[in-house]
Amino acid sequence: MLVVARNIISFCMAHDHSHHRQPVAEVPGWSLLRLSAGQRLGLALGVILMLWAATFAVIL
């Protein structure tokens, strides 16, 4: 008896060619690239100040 092997991956996946739907656009998340130059500098200064504060808290 000849056993025909099926491609399990493509067999189990939904394969609907008749309904072409546009993908739903995702809401973009937060990104450093969307910040202005001033906002990036402010964020960097905040991180630097936190690091200095942590450094002095360990030393003193």
N, C-alpha and C. Protein backbone atom coordinates (compact mmCIF):
# COMPACT_ATOMS: atom_id res chain seq x y z
N MET A 1 0.84 -1.18 0.00
CA MET A 1 0.00 0.00 0.00
C MET A 1 0.89 1.24 0.00
N LEU A 2 0.57 2.21 -0.83
CA LEU A 2 1.34 3.44 -0.96
C LEU A 2 0.74 4.51 -0.06
N VAL A 3 1.58 5.07 0.82
CA VAL A 3 1.12 6.12 1.74
C VAL A 3 1.57 7.46 1.17
N VAL A 4 0.63 8.36 0.98
CA VAL A 4 0.95 9.68 0.45
C VAL A 4 1.24 10.60 1.62
N ALA A 5 2.43 11.19 1.63
CA ALA A 5 2.82 12.10 2.71
C ALA A 5 2.23 13.48 2.43
N ARG A 6 1.64 14.07 3.45
CA ARG A 6 1.09 15.41 3.33
C ARG A 6 2.04 16.40 3.98
N ASN A 7 2.03 17.60 3.48
CA ASN A 7 2.76 18.68 4.12
C ASN A 7 1.90 19.17 5.27
N ILE A 8 2.26 18.81 6.48
CA ILE A 8 1.44 19.09 7.65
C ILE A 8 1.31 20.59 7.89
N ILE A 9 2.37 21.33 7.64
CA ILE A 9 2.34 22.76 7.94
C ILE A 9 1.33 23.46 7.03
N SER A 10 1.42 23.25 5.74
CA SER A 10 0.50 23.93 4.84
C SER A 10 -0.90 23.34 4.93
N PHE A 11 -1.02 22.09 5.34
CA PHE A 11 -2.34 21.46 5.47
C PHE A 11 -3.11 22.06 6.63
N CYS A 12 -2.44 22.38 7.73
CA CYS A 12 -3.11 22.88 8.92
C CYS A 12 -3.35 24.38 8.89
N MET A 13 -2.64 25.09 8.05
CA MET A 13 -2.79 26.54 8.02
C MET A 13 -4.03 26.93 7.23
N ALA A 14 -4.64 28.02 7.64
CA ALA A 14 -5.79 28.55 6.89
C ALA A 14 -5.28 29.05 5.55
N HIS A 15 -5.97 28.69 4.51
CA HIS A 15 -5.49 29.04 3.17
C HIS A 15 -6.67 29.55 2.36
N ASP A 16 -7.06 30.78 2.64
CA ASP A 16 -8.25 31.35 2.02
C ASP A 16 -7.82 32.37 0.98
N HIS A 17 -8.01 32.03 -0.29
CA HIS A 17 -7.63 32.95 -1.36
C HIS A 17 -8.77 33.84 -1.80
N SER A 18 -9.98 33.49 -1.42
CA SER A 18 -11.13 34.22 -1.94
C SER A 18 -11.35 35.55 -1.23
N HIS A 19 -10.92 35.70 0.00
CA HIS A 19 -11.15 36.94 0.75
C HIS A 19 -9.81 37.62 1.01
N HIS A 20 -9.55 38.66 0.24
CA HIS A 20 -8.31 39.41 0.43
C HIS A 20 -8.61 40.61 1.31
N ARG A 21 -8.20 40.53 2.56
CA ARG A 21 -8.44 41.62 3.50
C ARG A 21 -7.15 42.39 3.72
N GLN A 22 -7.27 43.67 3.92
CA GLN A 22 -6.12 44.50 4.23
C GLN A 22 -5.73 44.25 5.68
N PRO A 23 -4.44 44.14 5.96
CA PRO A 23 -4.04 43.96 7.35
C PRO A 23 -4.37 45.20 8.18
N VAL A 24 -4.70 44.97 9.43
CA VAL A 24 -5.03 46.07 10.34
C VAL A 24 -3.74 46.72 10.79
N ALA A 25 -3.67 48.03 10.65
CA ALA A 25 -2.47 48.77 11.06
C ALA A 25 -2.38 48.78 12.58
N GLU A 26 -1.20 48.47 13.09
CA GLU A 26 -1.00 48.50 14.52
C GLU A 26 -0.72 49.91 14.98
N VAL A 27 -1.11 50.19 16.20
CA VAL A 27 -0.80 51.50 16.78
C VAL A 27 0.68 51.49 17.12
N PRO A 28 1.45 52.44 16.58
CA PRO A 28 2.89 52.42 16.87
C PRO A 28 3.17 52.66 18.35
N GLY A 29 4.12 51.95 18.88
CA GLY A 29 4.49 52.09 20.27
C GLY A 29 5.44 53.25 20.47
N TRP A 30 5.91 53.38 21.70
CA TRP A 30 6.83 54.45 22.03
C TRP A 30 8.19 54.16 21.42
N SER A 31 8.84 55.19 20.88
CA SER A 31 10.14 55.00 20.24
C SER A 31 10.99 56.25 20.45
N LEU A 32 12.28 56.03 20.69
CA LEU A 32 13.22 57.16 20.78
C LEU A 32 13.32 57.91 19.47
N LEU A 33 13.10 57.21 18.36
CA LEU A 33 13.23 57.84 17.05
C LEU A 33 12.13 58.86 16.79
N ARG A 34 11.01 58.75 17.50
CA ARG A 34 9.92 59.71 17.30
C ARG A 34 10.08 60.96 18.16
N LEU A 35 11.06 60.97 19.05
CA LEU A 35 11.27 62.14 19.90
C LEU A 35 12.05 63.20 19.14
N SER A 36 11.81 64.45 19.49
CA SER A 36 12.59 65.53 18.89
C SER A 36 13.98 65.53 19.53
N ALA A 37 14.87 66.31 18.94
CA ALA A 37 16.24 66.38 19.45
C ALA A 37 16.25 66.91 20.89
N GLY A 38 15.43 67.91 21.18
CA GLY A 38 15.37 68.46 22.54
C GLY A 38 14.85 67.44 23.54
N GLN A 39 13.87 66.64 23.13
CA GLN A 39 13.33 65.62 24.03
C GLN A 39 14.36 64.53 24.29
N ARG A 40 15.12 64.18 23.25
CA ARG A 40 16.17 63.16 23.44
C ARG A 40 17.27 63.67 24.37
N LEU A 41 17.64 64.94 24.22
CA LEU A 41 18.64 65.53 25.12
C LEU A 41 18.12 65.57 26.55
N GLY A 42 16.86 65.95 26.72
CA GLY A 42 16.28 65.98 28.05
C GLY A 42 16.25 64.60 28.69
N LEU A 43 15.91 63.59 27.91
CA LEU A 43 15.90 62.22 28.42
C LEU A 43 17.32 61.78 28.79
N ALA A 44 18.28 62.10 27.94
CA ALA A 44 19.67 61.73 28.22
C ALA A 44 20.17 62.42 29.48
N LEU A 45 19.84 63.70 29.64
CA LEU A 45 20.27 64.43 30.84
C LEU A 45 19.62 63.83 32.09
N GLY A 46 18.37 63.43 31.99
CA GLY A 46 17.71 62.79 33.12
C GLY A 46 18.39 61.49 33.52
N VAL A 47 18.76 60.68 32.53
CA VAL A 47 19.46 59.42 32.81
C VAL A 47 20.82 59.69 33.43
N ILE A 48 21.54 60.69 32.91
CA ILE A 48 22.86 61.03 33.46
C ILE A 48 22.74 61.50 34.90
N LEU A 49 21.74 62.34 35.19
CA LEU A 49 21.56 62.82 36.56
C LEU A 49 21.21 61.67 37.51
N MET A 50 20.41 60.73 37.05
CA MET A 50 20.07 59.56 37.88
C MET A 50 21.32 58.72 38.16
N LEU A 51 22.18 58.55 37.15
CA LEU A 51 23.41 57.78 37.35
C LEU A 51 24.35 58.48 38.33
N TRP A 52 24.46 59.82 38.20
CA TRP A 52 25.31 60.55 39.14
C TRP A 52 24.74 60.45 40.56
N ALA A 53 23.43 60.56 40.71
CA ALA A 53 22.81 60.46 42.02
C ALA A 53 23.04 59.09 42.62
N ALA A 54 22.94 58.04 41.81
CA ALA A 54 23.18 56.68 42.31
C ALA A 54 24.64 56.50 42.70
N THR A 55 25.53 57.10 41.92
CA THR A 55 26.98 57.02 42.22
C THR A 55 27.28 57.69 43.56
N PHE A 56 26.76 58.90 43.76
CA PHE A 56 27.01 59.59 45.00
C PHE A 56 26.33 58.90 46.19
N ALA A 57 25.20 58.24 45.97
CA ALA A 57 24.53 57.53 47.04
C ALA A 57 25.37 56.33 47.49
N VAL A 58 26.08 55.71 46.56
CA VAL A 58 26.94 54.56 46.91
C VAL A 58 28.20 55.04 47.63
N ILE A 59 28.75 56.16 47.15
CA ILE A 59 30.01 56.67 47.72
C ILE A 59 29.79 57.22 49.13
N LEU A 60 28.74 58.00 49.31
CA LEU A 60 28.53 58.69 50.60
C LEU A 60 27.80 57.85 51.60
